[in-house]
């Protein structure tokens, strides 16, 4: 049987009204270039920003913070930079998992992360398993993620369900699509932030952003902090979200 569409505007949201915020973390390279530093220094500073913002998200009452860490297109970057990014991710999980777990955070990784190195996949899945029983906010890391690929995988999943006789094509609804995406089970996306001044989605959460508010800032990601997140949420709170109504 087809699942029902999920409500667009859930109840019990915090004072700023947002339950789920996603961030396209852009500008590490430009941050480093402005300081005559190697790109790796920018990525390291970006990891520090992740720590600050993850803590701020918890303090501000967000249920879910999704961070675009590595896209399916980022493989086009030089192999040395990709290796540096994977090493930073590995170190981040190993060094911060205890803090996440102690604060009740649930770690979630979305995207085709199983295509990564087997030892990194084991580390990721171990971290998710360790925090799965926590009752606090979700930190979702989009890793080897591309929204177009996600939609193709969703279509394939639903096609297999139709072929198996579980559902007819006519019965498929919005809820079925939601449940076949990497973000299944997460709250609807309320606010999508992009740093560095660029104003595009870059193949990120195309389905989920259908009714999300968009917020662009010139601030480079390594400079983003708790105050910057509060400013984005203040702007979100002032938006008039009508979801197609009056």
C-alpha atoms as a PDB file:
ATOM      1  CA  UNK A   1       0.000   0.000   0.000  1.00  0.00           C
ATOM      2  CA  UNK A   2       1.295   3.470  -0.823  1.00  0.00           C
ATOM      3  CA  UNK A   3       2.358   5.596   2.117  1.00  0.00           C
ATOM      4  CA  UNK A   4       0.692   8.937   2.751  1.00  0.00           C
ATOM      5  CA  UNK A   5       2.401  12.230   2.057  1.00  0.00           C
ATOM      6  CA  UNK A   6       4.186  13.676   5.032  1.00  0.00           C
ATOM      7  CA  UNK A   7       3.014  17.053   6.348  1.00  0.00           C
ATOM      8  CA  UNK A   8       5.039  20.011   5.133  1.00  0.00           C
ATOM      9  CA  UNK A   9       4.930  21.949   8.371  1.00  0.00           C
ATOM     10  CA  UNK A  10       5.300  19.676  11.431  1.00  0.00           C
ATOM     11  CA  UNK A  11       4.386  20.809  14.897  1.00  0.00           C
ATOM     12  CA  UNK A  12       6.619  21.186  17.948  1.00  0.00           C
ATOM     13  CA  UNK A  13       9.251  23.267  16.129  1.00  0.00           C
ATOM     14  CA  UNK A  14      11.598  25.440  18.247  1.00  0.00           C
ATOM     15  CA  UNK A  15      11.099  29.191  18.533  1.00  0.00           C
ATOM     16  CA  UNK A  16      12.832  29.930  15.226  1.00  0.00           C
ATOM     17  CA  UNK A  17      10.460  27.478  13.537  1.00  0.00           C
ATOM     18  CA  UNK A  18      13.065  25.244  11.907  1.00  0.00           C
ATOM     19  CA  UNK A  19      13.535  21.569  12.631  1.00  0.00           C
ATOM     20  CA  UNK A  20      15.879  20.615   9.791  1.00  0.00           C
ATOM     21  CA  UNK A  21      18.627  22.823   8.378  1.00  0.00           C
ATOM     22  CA  UNK A  22      21.031  21.826   5.606  1.00  0.00           C
ATOM     23  CA  UNK A  23      24.231  23.631   4.671  1.00  0.00           C
ATOM     24  CA  UNK A  24      26.274  23.653   1.486  1.00  0.00           C
ATOM     25  CA  UNK A  25      29.649  24.291   3.079  1.00  0.00           C
ATOM     26  CA  UNK A  26      31.432  26.312   0.393  1.00  0.00           C
ATOM     27  CA  UNK A  27      34.531  28.484   0.434  1.00  0.00           C
ATOM     28  CA  UNK A  28      37.324  26.484   2.067  1.00  0.00           C
ATOM     29  CA  UNK A  29      39.647  26.956  -0.898  1.00  0.00           C
ATOM     30  CA  UNK A  30      38.984  30.682  -1.211  1.00  0.00           C
ATOM     31  CA  UNK A  31      39.475  31.106   2.542  1.00  0.00           C
ATOM     32  CA  UNK A  32      42.916  29.510   2.242  1.00  0.00           C
ATOM     33  CA  UNK A  33      43.823  31.458  -0.914  1.00  0.00           C
ATOM     34  CA  UNK A  34      43.035  34.783   0.778  1.00  0.00           C
ATOM     35  CA  UNK A  35      45.564  33.835   3.470  1.00  0.00           C
ATOM     36  CA  UNK A  36      48.187  32.479   1.052  1.00  0.00           C
ATOM     37  CA  UNK A  37      47.730  29.023   2.550  1.00  0.00           C
ATOM     38  CA  UNK A  38      47.395  25.617   0.862  1.00  0.00           C
ATOM     39  CA  UNK A  39      43.868  24.354   0.200  1.00  0.00           C
ATOM     40  CA  UNK A  40      44.315  21.704   2.892  1.00  0.00           C
ATOM     41  CA  UNK A  41      44.528  24.493   5.490  1.00  0.00           C
ATOM     42  CA  UNK A  42      41.132  25.718   4.312  1.00  0.00           C
ATOM     43  CA  UNK A  43      39.641  22.240   4.621  1.00  0.00           C
ATOM     44  CA  UNK A  44      41.062  21.886   8.132  1.00  0.00           C
ATOM     45  CA  UNK A  45      39.538  25.234   9.093  1.00  0.00           C
ATOM     46  CA  UNK A  46      36.293  23.999   7.564  1.00  0.00           C
ATOM     47  CA  UNK A  47      36.302  21.002   9.908  1.00  0.00           C
ATOM     48  CA  UNK A  48      36.586  23.380  12.859  1.00  0.00           C
ATOM     49  CA  UNK A  49      33.536  25.223  11.513  1.00  0.00           C
ATOM     50  CA  UNK A  50      31.665  21.907  11.376  1.00  0.00           C
ATOM     51  CA  UNK A  51      32.392  21.384  15.073  1.00  0.00           C
ATOM     52  CA  UNK A  52      31.201  24.889  15.988  1.00  0.00           C
ATOM     53  CA  UNK A  53      28.027  24.671  13.964  1.00  0.00           C
ATOM     54  CA  UNK A  54      27.156  21.142  15.107  1.00  0.00           C
ATOM     55  CA  UNK A  55      27.333  22.298  18.724  1.00  0.00           C
ATOM     56  CA  UNK A  56      25.332  25.433  17.937  1.00  0.00           C
ATOM     57  CA  UNK A  57      22.652  23.410  16.144  1.00  0.00           C
ATOM     58  CA  UNK A  58      22.168  21.292  19.250  1.00  0.00           C
ATOM     59  CA  UNK A  59      22.019  24.354  21.503  1.00  0.00           C
ATOM     60  CA  UNK A  60      19.485  26.037  19.192  1.00  0.00           C
ATOM     61  CA  UNK A  61      17.145  23.070  19.295  1.00  0.00           C
ATOM     62  CA  UNK A  62      17.468  21.786  15.739  1.00  0.00           C
ATOM     63  CA  UNK A  63      16.336  18.210  15.238  1.00  0.00           C
ATOM     64  CA  UNK A  64      18.561  17.673  12.225  1.00  0.00           C
ATOM     65  CA  UNK A  65      21.567  19.377  10.674  1.00  0.00           C
ATOM     66  CA  UNK A  66      22.626  18.066   7.264  1.00  0.00           C
ATOM     67  CA  UNK A  67      26.064  19.036   5.958  1.00  0.00           C
ATOM     68  CA  UNK A  68      27.185  18.662   2.344  1.00  0.00           C
ATOM     69  CA  UNK A  69      30.667  17.286   2.911  1.00  0.00           C
ATOM     70  CA  UNK A  70      31.608  15.587  -0.371  1.00  0.00           C
ATOM     71  CA  UNK A  71      29.587  15.475  -3.563  1.00  0.00           C
ATOM     72  CA  UNK A  72      29.566  12.767  -6.199  1.00  0.00           C
ATOM     73  CA  UNK A  73      31.160  15.375  -8.494  1.00  0.00           C
ATOM     74  CA  UNK A  74      34.048  16.126  -6.110  1.00  0.00           C
ATOM     75  CA  UNK A  75      35.896  13.076  -7.443  1.00  0.00           C
ATOM     76  CA  UNK A  76      36.915  15.373 -10.327  1.00  0.00           C
ATOM     77  CA  UNK A  77      39.251  17.203  -7.967  1.00  0.00           C
ATOM     78  CA  UNK A  78      42.970  16.309  -7.826  1.00  0.00           C
ATOM     79  CA  UNK A  79      43.572  12.904  -6.237  1.00  0.00           C
ATOM     80  CA  UNK A  80      45.749  14.453  -3.530  1.00  0.00           C
ATOM     81  CA  UNK A  81      42.931  16.784  -2.454  1.00  0.00           C
ATOM     82  CA  UNK A  82      40.396  13.941  -2.407  1.00  0.00           C
ATOM     83  CA  UNK A  83      42.778  11.886  -0.264  1.00  0.00           C
ATOM     84  CA  UNK A  84      43.209  14.841   2.122  1.00  0.00           C
ATOM     85  CA  UNK A  85      39.425  15.246   2.426  1.00  0.00           C
ATOM     86  CA  UNK A  86      38.928  11.559   3.193  1.00  0.00           C
ATOM     87  CA  UNK A  87      41.693  11.674   5.783  1.00  0.00           C
ATOM     88  CA  UNK A  88      40.048  14.679   7.437  1.00  0.00           C
ATOM     89  CA  UNK A  89      36.706  12.868   7.484  1.00  0.00           C
ATOM     90  CA  UNK A  90      38.300   9.802   9.056  1.00  0.00           C
ATOM     91  CA  UNK A  91      40.004  11.919  11.715  1.00  0.00           C
ATOM     92  CA  UNK A  92      36.793  13.877  12.408  1.00  0.00           C
ATOM     93  CA  UNK A  93      34.809  10.715  13.098  1.00  0.00           C
ATOM     94  CA  UNK A  94      37.519   9.210  15.256  1.00  0.00           C
ATOM     95  CA  UNK A  95      38.130  12.371  17.294  1.00  0.00           C
ATOM     96  CA  UNK A  96      34.560  13.659  17.690  1.00  0.00           C
ATOM     97  CA  UNK A  97      32.470  10.519  18.003  1.00  0.00           C
ATOM     98  CA  UNK A  98      32.806  10.355  21.783  1.00  0.00           C
ATOM     99  CA  UNK A  99      31.520  13.929  22.131  1.00  0.00           C
ATOM    100  CA  UNK A 100      28.619  13.250  19.768  1.00  0.00           C
ATOM    101  CA  UNK A 101      27.667  10.129  21.670  1.00  0.00           C
ATOM    102  CA  UNK A 102      27.980  11.789  25.078  1.00  0.00           C
ATOM    103  CA  UNK A 103      25.616  14.559  23.925  1.00  0.00           C
ATOM    104  CA  UNK A 104      23.027  12.167  22.554  1.00  0.00           C
ATOM    105  CA  UNK A 105      23.697  13.067  18.926  1.00  0.00           C
ATOM    106  CA  UNK A 106      22.784  10.529  16.239  1.00  0.00           C
ATOM    107  CA  UNK A 107      25.227  10.411  13.360  1.00  0.00           C
ATOM    108  CA  UNK A 108      23.769   9.689   9.936  1.00  0.00           C
ATOM    109  CA  UNK A 109      25.615   9.511   6.627  1.00  0.00           C
ATOM    110  CA  UNK A 110      23.605   9.985   3.428  1.00  0.00           C
ATOM    111  CA  UNK A 111      24.811   9.314  -0.082  1.00  0.00           C
ATOM    112  CA  UNK A 112      26.606   6.427  -1.736  1.00  0.00           C
ATOM    113  CA  UNK A 113      29.203   6.192   1.023  1.00  0.00           C
ATOM    114  CA  UNK A 114      29.572   2.440   0.565  1.00  0.00           C
ATOM    115  CA  UNK A 115      31.574   3.164  -2.593  1.00  0.00           C
ATOM    116  CA  UNK A 116      34.389   4.547  -0.428  1.00  0.00           C
ATOM    117  CA  UNK A 117      37.389   2.692   0.948  1.00  0.00           C
ATOM    118  CA  UNK A 118      36.256  -0.376   2.918  1.00  0.00           C
ATOM    119  CA  UNK A 119      37.988   0.695   6.133  1.00  0.00           C
ATOM    120  CA  UNK A 120      36.293   4.106   5.987  1.00  0.00           C
ATOM    121  CA  UNK A 121      32.926   2.435   5.334  1.00  0.00           C
ATOM    122  CA  UNK A 122      33.459   0.279   8.426  1.00  0.00           C
ATOM    123  CA  UNK A 123      34.318   3.368  10.475  1.00  0.00           C
ATOM    124  CA  UNK A 124      31.209   5.212   9.252  1.00  0.00           C
ATOM    125  CA  UNK A 125      28.870   2.308   9.891  1.00  0.00           C
ATOM    126  CA  UNK A 126      30.377   1.697  13.321  1.00  0.00           C
ATOM    127  CA  UNK A 127      29.825   5.352  14.227  1.00  0.00           C
ATOM    128  CA  UNK A 128      26.217   5.263  13.040  1.00  0.00           C
ATOM    129  CA  UNK A 129      25.548   2.029  14.924  1.00  0.00           C
ATOM    130  CA  UNK A 130      27.072   3.397  18.118  1.00  0.00           C
ATOM    131  CA  UNK A 131      24.870   6.509  18.082  1.00  0.00           C
ATOM    132  CA  UNK A 132      21.705   4.973  16.612  1.00  0.00           C
ATOM    133  CA  UNK A 133      20.040   4.580  20.004  1.00  0.00           C
ATOM    134  CA  UNK A 134      20.582   8.187  21.061  1.00  0.00           C
ATOM    135  CA  UNK A 135      17.572  10.460  21.403  1.00  0.00           C
ATOM    136  CA  UNK A 136      19.199  13.797  20.586  1.00  0.00           C
ATOM    137  CA  UNK A 137      19.551  15.682  17.302  1.00  0.00           C
ATOM    138  CA  UNK A 138      20.730  14.113  14.057  1.00  0.00           C
ATOM    139  CA  UNK A 139      23.921  15.243  12.373  1.00  0.00           C
ATOM    140  CA  UNK A 140      23.660  13.991   8.800  1.00  0.00           C
ATOM    141  CA  UNK A 141      26.772  14.073   6.645  1.00  0.00           C
ATOM    142  CA  UNK A 142      26.157  14.028   2.889  1.00  0.00           C
ATOM    143  CA  UNK A 143      29.070  11.985   1.572  1.00  0.00           C
ATOM    144  CA  UNK A 144      29.563  10.943  -2.045  1.00  0.00           C
ATOM    145  CA  UNK A 145      26.109  12.455  -2.439  1.00  0.00           C
ATOM    146  CA  UNK A 146      24.410  13.746  -5.567  1.00  0.00           C
ATOM    147  CA  UNK A 147      20.715  14.563  -5.707  1.00  0.00           C
ATOM    148  CA  UNK A 148      20.276  13.431  -9.302  1.00  0.00           C
ATOM    149  CA  UNK A 149      21.845  10.076  -8.454  1.00  0.00           C
ATOM    150  CA  UNK A 150      19.589   9.905  -5.397  1.00  0.00           C
ATOM    151  CA  UNK A 151      16.508  10.430  -7.571  1.00  0.00           C
ATOM    152  CA  UNK A 152      17.629   7.758 -10.028  1.00  0.00           C
ATOM    153  CA  UNK A 153      18.121   5.306  -7.161  1.00  0.00           C
ATOM    154  CA  UNK A 154      14.685   6.235  -5.808  1.00  0.00           C
ATOM    155  CA  UNK A 155      13.090   5.559  -9.201  1.00  0.00           C
ATOM    156  CA  UNK A 156      14.845   2.202  -9.417  1.00  0.00           C
ATOM    157  CA  UNK A 157      13.650   1.266  -5.925  1.00  0.00           C
ATOM    158  CA  UNK A 158      10.044   2.125  -6.723  1.00  0.00           C
ATOM    159  CA  UNK A 159      10.256   0.344 -10.084  1.00  0.00           C
ATOM    160  CA  UNK A 160      11.377  -2.806  -8.297  1.00  0.00           C
ATOM    161  CA  UNK A 161       8.446  -2.489  -5.899  1.00  0.00           C
ATOM    162  CA  UNK A 162       6.038  -2.207  -8.812  1.00  0.00           C
ATOM    163  CA  UNK A 163       7.659  -5.186 -10.552  1.00  0.00           C
ATOM    164  CA  UNK A 164       7.326  -7.223  -7.356  1.00  0.00           C
ATOM    165  CA  UNK A 165       3.624  -6.398  -7.122  1.00  0.00           C
ATOM    166  CA  UNK A 166       4.017  -4.534  -3.822  1.00  0.00           C
ATOM    167  CA  UNK A 167       2.404  -1.380  -5.217  1.00  0.00           C
ATOM    168  CA  UNK A 168       0.953  -0.183  -8.512  1.00  0.00           C
ATOM    169  CA  UNK A 169       2.399   2.763 -10.367  1.00  0.00           C
ATOM    170  CA  UNK A 170      -0.818   4.715  -9.745  1.00  0.00           C
ATOM    171  CA  UNK A 171      -0.569   4.153  -5.978  1.00  0.00           C
ATOM    172  CA  UNK A 172       2.873   5.690  -5.651  1.00  0.00           C
ATOM    173  CA  UNK A 173       2.714   8.962  -3.749  1.00  0.00           C
ATOM    174  CA  UNK A 174       4.964  11.597  -2.238  1.00  0.00           C
ATOM    175  CA  UNK A 175       5.445   9.542   0.895  1.00  0.00           C
ATOM    176  CA  UNK A 176       6.747   6.604  -1.142  1.00  0.00           C
ATOM    177  CA  UNK A 177       9.306   8.857  -2.787  1.00  0.00           C
ATOM    178  CA  UNK A 178      10.359  10.265   0.597  1.00  0.00           C
ATOM    179  CA  UNK A 179      10.820   6.767   1.965  1.00  0.00           C
ATOM    180  CA  UNK A 180      13.040   5.735  -0.970  1.00  0.00           C
ATOM    181  CA  UNK A 181      15.473   8.650  -0.575  1.00  0.00           C
ATOM    182  CA  UNK A 182      18.681   8.740   1.451  1.00  0.00           C
ATOM    183  CA  UNK A 183      16.933  11.160   3.839  1.00  0.00           C
ATOM    184  CA  UNK A 184      14.119   8.743   4.745  1.00  0.00           C
ATOM    185  CA  UNK A 185      13.059   9.259   8.345  1.00  0.00           C
ATOM    186  CA  UNK A 186      14.540  12.755   8.677  1.00  0.00           C
ATOM    187  CA  UNK A 187      12.298  15.788   9.258  1.00  0.00           C
ATOM    188  CA  UNK A 188      11.272  17.765   6.163  1.00  0.00           C
ATOM    189  CA  UNK A 189      13.916  20.273   5.147  1.00  0.00           C
ATOM    190  CA  UNK A 190      13.079  23.776   6.376  1.00  0.00           C
ATOM    191  CA  UNK A 191      16.132  25.872   5.561  1.00  0.00           C
ATOM    192  CA  UNK A 192      19.001  25.406   3.119  1.00  0.00           C
ATOM    193  CA  UNK A 193      22.053  27.617   3.667  1.00  0.00           C
ATOM    194  CA  UNK A 194      24.912  28.137   1.229  1.00  0.00           C
ATOM    195  CA  UNK A 195      28.076  29.973   2.189  1.00  0.00           C
ATOM    196  CA  UNK A 196      30.669  31.805   0.025  1.00  0.00           C
ATOM    197  CA  UNK A 197      28.270  33.929  -2.037  1.00  0.00           C
ATOM    198  CA  UNK A 198      27.392  31.312  -4.658  1.00  0.00           C
ATOM    199  CA  UNK A 199      23.652  31.035  -5.308  1.00  0.00           C
ATOM    200  CA  UNK A 200      22.956  27.563  -6.654  1.00  0.00           C
ATOM    201  CA  UNK A 201      22.031  24.168  -5.234  1.00  0.00           C
ATOM    202  CA  UNK A 202      24.892  22.234  -6.841  1.00  0.00           C
ATOM    203  CA  UNK A 203      22.974  18.962  -7.063  1.00  0.00           C
ATOM    204  CA  UNK A 204      22.071  18.979  -3.356  1.00  0.00           C
ATOM    205  CA  UNK A 205      18.726  17.847  -1.911  1.00  0.00           C
ATOM    206  CA  UNK A 206      16.734  18.776  -5.025  1.00  0.00           C
ATOM    207  CA  UNK A 207      13.592  16.899  -3.943  1.00  0.00           C
ATOM    208  CA  UNK A 208      13.876  17.846  -0.274  1.00  0.00           C
ATOM    209  CA  UNK A 209      14.328  21.555  -1.054  1.00  0.00           C
ATOM    210  CA  UNK A 210      10.982  21.841  -2.879  1.00  0.00           C
ATOM    211  CA  UNK A 211       9.517  24.049  -0.110  1.00  0.00           C
ATOM    212  CA  UNK A 212      12.656  24.842   1.861  1.00  0.00           C
ATOM    213  CA  UNK A 213      13.678  28.439   2.379  1.00  0.00           C
ATOM    214  CA  UNK A 214      17.024  29.345   0.779  1.00  0.00           C
ATOM    215  CA  UNK A 215      19.600  31.520   2.517  1.00  0.00           C
ATOM    216  CA  UNK A 216      22.801  32.669   0.847  1.00  0.00           C
ATOM    217  CA  UNK A 217      25.665  34.388   2.630  1.00  0.00           C
ATOM    218  CA  UNK A 218      28.975  35.774   1.373  1.00  0.00           C
ATOM    219  CA  UNK A 219      30.696  34.374   4.467  1.00  0.00           C
ATOM    220  CA  UNK A 220      33.214  31.647   3.632  1.00  0.00           C
ATOM    221  CA  UNK A 221      32.546  28.351   5.367  1.00  0.00           C
ATOM    222  CA  UNK A 222      35.597  28.373   7.717  1.00  0.00           C
ATOM    223  CA  UNK A 223      34.300  31.683   9.157  1.00  0.00           C
ATOM    224  CA  UNK A 224      30.776  30.367   9.763  1.00  0.00           C
ATOM    225  CA  UNK A 225      29.906  30.033  13.442  1.00  0.00           C
ATOM    226  CA  UNK A 226      27.065  29.936  15.958  1.00  0.00           C
ATOM    227  CA  UNK A 227      26.209  33.605  15.414  1.00  0.00           C
ATOM    228  CA  UNK A 228      26.054  33.113  11.651  1.00  0.00           C
ATOM    229  CA  UNK A 229      23.681  30.170  12.134  1.00  0.00           C
ATOM    230  CA  UNK A 230      21.513  32.272  14.452  1.00  0.00           C
ATOM    231  CA  UNK A 231      21.366  35.033  11.829  1.00  0.00           C
ATOM    232  CA  UNK A 232      20.222  32.520   9.196  1.00  0.00           C
ATOM    233  CA  UNK A 233      17.551  31.195  11.553  1.00  0.00           C
ATOM    234  CA  UNK A 234      16.425  34.740  12.375  1.00  0.00           C
ATOM    235  CA  UNK A 235      15.995  35.379   8.652  1.00  0.00           C
ATOM    236  CA  UNK A 236      14.107  32.099   8.299  1.00  0.00           C
ATOM    237  CA  UNK A 237      11.757  33.063  11.134  1.00  0.00           C
ATOM    238  CA  UNK A 238      10.764  36.207   9.220  1.00  0.00           C
ATOM    239  CA  UNK A 239       9.843  34.307   6.037  1.00  0.00           C
ATOM    240  CA  UNK A 240       6.173  33.814   5.173  1.00  0.00           C
ATOM    241  CA  UNK A 241       5.920  30.124   4.279  1.00  0.00           C
ATOM    242  CA  UNK A 242       2.653  29.521   2.435  1.00  0.00           C
ATOM    243  CA  UNK A 243       3.391  26.175   0.741  1.00  0.00           C
ATOM    244  CA  UNK A 244       1.402  27.218  -2.309  1.00  0.00           C
ATOM    245  CA  UNK A 245      -1.466  28.687  -0.290  1.00  0.00           C
ATOM    246  CA  UNK A 246      -2.435  32.282   0.462  1.00  0.00           C
END
